[in-house]
Amino acid sequence: MCIRAASGGFALLLGSLAPINGFYSFVPFSRKLLEECCDPGQLFAMTKMNSPMGKNLWFDGEFLYSVTIDNATYSLFPQATPFQLPLKKCSVVGNGGILKKSGCGKQIDQADFVMRCNLPPLSSEYSRDVGSKTQLVTANPSIIQKRFQNLLWSRKAFVDSVKVYNHSYIYMPAFSMRTGTGPSLRVYYTLQDFGARQSVLFANPTFLRDIGRFWKGKGIHAKRLSTGLFLVSAALGLCEEVTIYGFWPFSVDLRGSFISHHYYDNVLPDSGFHAMPEEFLQL
């Protein structure tokens, strides 16, 4: 059984090992405040409309570094956000071990738009718990560097690995840190060169910076927000209904049983970089 914890129009899917009566209560987001501070509908991704040629673009992860958008960079952006907004029903899927044996896959895939984090595995052994549908998936440049050798020698392996996401957008922070620009651009050109079904959207550093400030004002103190919280924040501004799954930053489930960090492995995050328990409490 996929257990739902909900408050108001916003739902948090925890996953489960056994039925639990009642709901887990929490303080819901103020969608209006988020839209006022960060405007996800307009600023979620780099577009020709919000990032014209000649604009000075400040990196959100390196506060003293900027680039000027030239013709080559401008040509990589879509004219506008390539979704018909507002999106209707959205699933935002984290990678938490709480999803193992949850049976949430069917419910996840019933959404009109499914967002996933950091190129997770979606093979058949996981589909019952995490689904198989994807419209947008994030890709941290560090994954490209470590798993695919910066796409210097592993271009086909990368293209083959993302086929599981079908016709989806790969969302990358090309303009957050200088070290991420090269890998992000190589993903764009690799998919284009191979005629892949996936395409790249570049995260707007203005949006990422504003979201970070918003949550800092809510008491989250970390070097950087997790990908999951960025994505949930975006979804609340893009979608009429948001349900999130697999965000559970603890080593035990609701019944006190040990669970792995991810549904596919137990590799732990850098505890000094993100503040996932703080983020969870805000949700």
Foldseek 3Di string as FASTA:
>chain_A
DFDWADDDQAIETQFDDDDDPDHDDADDDDLVVLCVQFVLQFAFFDACVVQPAQDWAAALQDRVDTDGHHPVNNVQHHHGPPDDFQAEEEEEEEFFLSLAVRQCLVVRVVGPAYEYEALDDDDPVCNSRNNQEHAEYEHELVCCCPVVVLVPPRLVVVLVSCCSHPQHEYEYALRNDVVRVSSLVSVQVSCVVVVGNYHYTYGRSSNLNSLQVVVVVVPFDFSHEDPSLSVVSSSSSRYPGYYYYNQDQDQAGPVRHGGAGGSVHNDDDDCRGYPSVVVVNND
